[in-house]
N, C-alpha and C. Protein backbone atom coordinates (compact mmCIF):
# COMPACT_ATOMS: atom_id res chain seq x y z
N MET A 1 -15.69 -5.74 8.07
CA MET A 1 -15.62 -5.53 6.64
C MET A 1 -14.51 -6.42 6.08
N ALA A 2 -14.79 -7.12 5.02
CA ALA A 2 -13.81 -8.01 4.39
C ALA A 2 -13.08 -7.26 3.29
N LEU A 3 -11.82 -7.60 3.11
CA LEU A 3 -11.02 -7.02 2.05
C LEU A 3 -11.38 -7.72 0.74
N GLU A 4 -11.74 -6.94 -0.27
CA GLU A 4 -12.09 -7.51 -1.57
C GLU A 4 -10.93 -7.32 -2.53
N ILE A 5 -10.37 -8.42 -2.98
CA ILE A 5 -9.28 -8.37 -3.95
C ILE A 5 -9.90 -8.58 -5.33
N ALA A 6 -9.98 -7.51 -6.10
CA ALA A 6 -10.65 -7.57 -7.40
C ALA A 6 -9.73 -8.09 -8.50
N TYR A 7 -8.45 -7.74 -8.43
CA TYR A 7 -7.50 -8.14 -9.46
C TYR A 7 -6.18 -8.50 -8.81
N GLN A 8 -5.51 -9.45 -9.40
CA GLN A 8 -4.16 -9.78 -8.99
C GLN A 8 -3.26 -9.44 -10.16
N VAL A 9 -2.40 -8.44 -9.99
CA VAL A 9 -1.59 -7.93 -11.08
C VAL A 9 -0.15 -8.41 -10.90
N ASP A 10 0.42 -8.93 -11.99
CA ASP A 10 1.78 -9.44 -11.94
C ASP A 10 2.69 -8.54 -12.79
N GLY A 11 2.96 -7.37 -12.27
CA GLY A 11 3.83 -6.43 -12.97
C GLY A 11 3.83 -5.12 -12.23
N VAL A 12 4.98 -4.71 -11.76
CA VAL A 12 5.08 -3.52 -10.93
C VAL A 12 4.60 -2.28 -11.67
N GLU A 13 5.03 -2.08 -12.89
CA GLU A 13 4.63 -0.89 -13.65
C GLU A 13 3.12 -0.85 -13.85
N THR A 14 2.53 -1.97 -14.20
CA THR A 14 1.08 -2.04 -14.39
C THR A 14 0.36 -1.75 -13.08
N LEU A 15 0.84 -2.35 -12.01
CA LEU A 15 0.25 -2.14 -10.70
C LEU A 15 0.31 -0.68 -10.29
N LEU A 16 1.47 -0.06 -10.43
CA LEU A 16 1.61 1.34 -10.06
C LEU A 16 0.76 2.24 -10.96
N ALA A 17 0.62 1.89 -12.22
CA ALA A 17 -0.23 2.67 -13.13
C ALA A 17 -1.69 2.62 -12.67
N LEU A 18 -2.16 1.45 -12.26
CA LEU A 18 -3.53 1.32 -11.76
C LEU A 18 -3.73 2.13 -10.48
N VAL A 19 -2.79 2.06 -9.57
CA VAL A 19 -2.88 2.84 -8.33
C VAL A 19 -2.84 4.33 -8.66
N ASN A 20 -1.95 4.72 -9.56
CA ASN A 20 -1.82 6.12 -9.95
C ASN A 20 -3.13 6.67 -10.51
N GLU A 21 -3.88 5.83 -11.21
CA GLU A 21 -5.16 6.26 -11.79
C GLU A 21 -6.32 6.17 -10.80
N GLY A 22 -6.02 5.71 -9.58
CA GLY A 22 -7.05 5.69 -8.54
C GLY A 22 -7.88 4.42 -8.50
N PHE A 23 -7.42 3.35 -9.14
CA PHE A 23 -8.18 2.10 -9.18
C PHE A 23 -7.96 1.22 -7.97
N GLY A 24 -7.15 1.64 -7.02
CA GLY A 24 -6.93 0.82 -5.84
C GLY A 24 -5.68 1.23 -5.11
N HIS A 25 -5.22 0.33 -4.28
CA HIS A 25 -4.04 0.54 -3.45
C HIS A 25 -3.13 -0.67 -3.63
N THR A 26 -1.89 -0.53 -3.23
CA THR A 26 -0.99 -1.67 -3.23
C THR A 26 -0.05 -1.55 -2.04
N ILE A 27 0.51 -2.66 -1.67
CA ILE A 27 1.50 -2.69 -0.61
C ILE A 27 2.82 -3.10 -1.25
N ALA A 28 3.83 -2.27 -1.05
CA ALA A 28 5.13 -2.50 -1.67
C ALA A 28 6.22 -1.91 -0.79
N THR A 29 7.45 -2.20 -1.13
CA THR A 29 8.54 -1.55 -0.42
C THR A 29 8.53 -0.07 -0.79
N SER A 30 9.05 0.75 0.08
CA SER A 30 9.05 2.19 -0.19
C SER A 30 9.87 2.54 -1.43
N ASP A 31 10.91 1.76 -1.72
CA ASP A 31 11.70 2.00 -2.93
C ASP A 31 10.84 1.87 -4.19
N VAL A 32 9.97 0.88 -4.21
CA VAL A 32 9.09 0.67 -5.37
C VAL A 32 8.10 1.82 -5.48
N ALA A 33 7.51 2.21 -4.36
CA ALA A 33 6.49 3.26 -4.38
C ALA A 33 7.07 4.64 -4.69
N ARG A 34 8.32 4.86 -4.37
CA ARG A 34 8.90 6.20 -4.52
C ARG A 34 9.85 6.34 -5.70
N SER A 35 9.96 5.33 -6.51
CA SER A 35 10.88 5.41 -7.65
C SER A 35 10.11 5.33 -8.95
N GLY A 36 10.79 5.57 -10.03
CA GLY A 36 10.17 5.45 -11.34
C GLY A 36 9.32 6.64 -11.71
N ARG A 37 8.55 6.46 -12.75
CA ARG A 37 7.79 7.59 -13.28
C ARG A 37 6.62 8.03 -12.42
N TYR A 38 6.24 7.23 -11.42
CA TYR A 38 5.12 7.60 -10.56
C TYR A 38 5.57 8.19 -9.22
N SER A 39 6.85 8.48 -9.08
CA SER A 39 7.37 8.96 -7.80
C SER A 39 6.75 10.29 -7.36
N GLU A 40 6.30 11.09 -8.31
CA GLU A 40 5.69 12.38 -7.97
C GLU A 40 4.19 12.28 -7.77
N THR A 41 3.57 11.19 -8.21
CA THR A 41 2.11 11.11 -8.16
C THR A 41 1.58 10.03 -7.23
N LEU A 42 2.48 9.33 -6.53
CA LEU A 42 2.04 8.34 -5.55
C LEU A 42 2.46 8.77 -4.15
N ARG A 43 1.64 8.45 -3.20
CA ARG A 43 1.92 8.72 -1.79
C ARG A 43 2.25 7.39 -1.14
N ALA A 44 3.35 7.32 -0.41
CA ALA A 44 3.74 6.10 0.29
C ALA A 44 3.56 6.32 1.79
N THR A 45 2.68 5.55 2.39
CA THR A 45 2.43 5.62 3.82
C THR A 45 3.14 4.45 4.48
N PRO A 46 4.21 4.72 5.23
CA PRO A 46 4.94 3.61 5.87
C PRO A 46 4.06 2.85 6.86
N ILE A 47 4.18 1.56 6.85
CA ILE A 47 3.50 0.70 7.81
C ILE A 47 4.55 0.36 8.86
N VAL A 48 4.47 1.02 10.00
CA VAL A 48 5.52 0.91 11.01
C VAL A 48 5.13 0.03 12.19
N GLU A 49 3.88 -0.37 12.25
CA GLU A 49 3.43 -1.26 13.33
C GLU A 49 2.66 -2.40 12.72
N PRO A 50 3.03 -3.61 12.95
CA PRO A 50 4.11 -4.07 13.81
C PRO A 50 5.47 -3.84 13.15
N ARG A 51 6.51 -3.82 13.95
CA ARG A 51 7.86 -3.58 13.47
C ARG A 51 8.34 -4.77 12.63
N MET A 52 8.90 -4.46 11.47
CA MET A 52 9.45 -5.49 10.59
C MET A 52 10.85 -5.07 10.17
N ASP A 53 11.64 -6.01 9.72
CA ASP A 53 12.99 -5.68 9.25
C ASP A 53 12.95 -4.89 7.95
N THR A 54 11.97 -5.16 7.11
CA THR A 54 11.79 -4.44 5.86
C THR A 54 10.56 -3.55 6.00
N THR A 55 10.69 -2.30 5.63
CA THR A 55 9.55 -1.38 5.70
C THR A 55 8.74 -1.52 4.43
N ILE A 56 7.43 -1.72 4.59
CA ILE A 56 6.54 -1.73 3.44
C ILE A 56 5.64 -0.51 3.55
N SER A 57 5.09 -0.09 2.42
CA SER A 57 4.26 1.11 2.38
C SER A 57 3.00 0.83 1.59
N LEU A 58 1.95 1.55 1.95
CA LEU A 58 0.70 1.50 1.21
C LEU A 58 0.75 2.63 0.20
N ALA A 59 0.78 2.31 -1.08
CA ALA A 59 0.88 3.33 -2.13
C ALA A 59 -0.51 3.71 -2.61
N THR A 60 -0.78 5.01 -2.64
CA THR A 60 -2.04 5.54 -3.13
C THR A 60 -1.76 6.75 -4.02
N SER A 61 -2.71 7.12 -4.82
CA SER A 61 -2.55 8.26 -5.70
C SER A 61 -2.55 9.56 -4.90
N THR A 62 -1.69 10.50 -5.28
CA THR A 62 -1.68 11.81 -4.61
C THR A 62 -2.82 12.68 -5.12
N ARG A 63 -3.55 12.22 -6.10
CA ARG A 63 -4.67 12.99 -6.65
C ARG A 63 -5.88 12.99 -5.74
N GLN A 64 -5.89 12.11 -4.76
CA GLN A 64 -7.03 12.05 -3.85
C GLN A 64 -6.54 11.95 -2.42
N MET A 65 -7.34 12.47 -1.51
CA MET A 65 -7.01 12.40 -0.09
C MET A 65 -7.21 10.95 0.37
N PRO A 66 -6.48 10.53 1.41
CA PRO A 66 -6.69 9.17 1.93
C PRO A 66 -8.16 8.97 2.32
N THR A 67 -8.71 7.86 1.87
CA THR A 67 -10.13 7.57 2.08
C THR A 67 -10.29 6.63 3.27
N ALA A 68 -11.54 6.34 3.59
CA ALA A 68 -11.83 5.37 4.65
C ALA A 68 -11.24 4.01 4.27
N LEU A 69 -11.27 3.67 2.98
CA LEU A 69 -10.69 2.41 2.52
C LEU A 69 -9.18 2.39 2.77
N HIS A 70 -8.52 3.51 2.52
CA HIS A 70 -7.08 3.64 2.78
C HIS A 70 -6.79 3.32 4.25
N HIS A 71 -7.54 3.96 5.14
CA HIS A 71 -7.31 3.75 6.57
C HIS A 71 -7.67 2.33 7.00
N LEU A 72 -8.74 1.78 6.44
CA LEU A 72 -9.13 0.41 6.76
C LEU A 72 -8.09 -0.59 6.26
N THR A 73 -7.55 -0.34 5.08
CA THR A 73 -6.50 -1.21 4.54
C THR A 73 -5.29 -1.22 5.46
N LEU A 74 -4.90 -0.04 5.95
CA LEU A 74 -3.78 0.03 6.90
C LEU A 74 -4.08 -0.78 8.16
N GLU A 75 -5.30 -0.66 8.68
CA GLU A 75 -5.68 -1.42 9.87
C GLU A 75 -5.61 -2.92 9.63
N ILE A 76 -6.12 -3.36 8.47
CA ILE A 76 -6.10 -4.79 8.14
C ILE A 76 -4.67 -5.29 8.01
N VAL A 77 -3.84 -4.53 7.31
CA VAL A 77 -2.44 -4.93 7.13
C VAL A 77 -1.74 -5.00 8.48
N ARG A 78 -1.93 -4.00 9.30
CA ARG A 78 -1.30 -4.00 10.63
C ARG A 78 -1.77 -5.20 11.45
N SER A 79 -3.04 -5.51 11.35
CA SER A 79 -3.59 -6.64 12.09
C SER A 79 -3.00 -7.96 11.60
N VAL A 80 -3.00 -8.15 10.28
CA VAL A 80 -2.48 -9.40 9.71
C VAL A 80 -1.00 -9.56 10.00
N PHE A 81 -0.22 -8.51 9.76
CA PHE A 81 1.22 -8.61 10.00
C PHE A 81 1.50 -8.73 11.49
N GLY A 82 0.65 -8.12 12.32
CA GLY A 82 0.82 -8.26 13.76
C GLY A 82 0.64 -9.70 14.21
N GLU A 83 -0.33 -10.40 13.60
CA GLU A 83 -0.55 -11.80 13.93
C GLU A 83 0.60 -12.66 13.43
N VAL A 84 1.12 -12.34 12.26
CA VAL A 84 2.20 -13.14 11.66
C VAL A 84 3.53 -12.90 12.35
N PHE A 85 3.87 -11.62 12.57
CA PHE A 85 5.18 -11.27 13.11
C PHE A 85 5.19 -10.91 14.58
N GLY A 86 4.01 -10.78 15.17
CA GLY A 86 3.94 -10.39 16.58
C GLY A 86 4.03 -8.90 16.72
N LYS A 87 3.48 -8.40 17.79
CA LYS A 87 3.50 -6.97 18.06
C LYS A 87 4.91 -6.49 18.37
N ALA A 88 5.17 -5.22 18.06
CA ALA A 88 6.50 -4.64 18.32
C ALA A 88 6.74 -4.51 19.80
């Protein structure tokens, strides 16, 4: 399955608003996902493999349970970062 990037958003608040409304997912530092007005309505799933110096998280809305797309996105990110940074 290929990852489909429908929109490229250049603005953290706009991006988090779209994720909060359930329009997709984003990858950001945990500080971005857990701060601001969406801190109570976004879920940050740490991406811990492969090991990186900076922890990034997959932010999704807390209004819905993690979907197959959520899990697939984590697998793709882990695979891509594993190729770039090497396995832990």
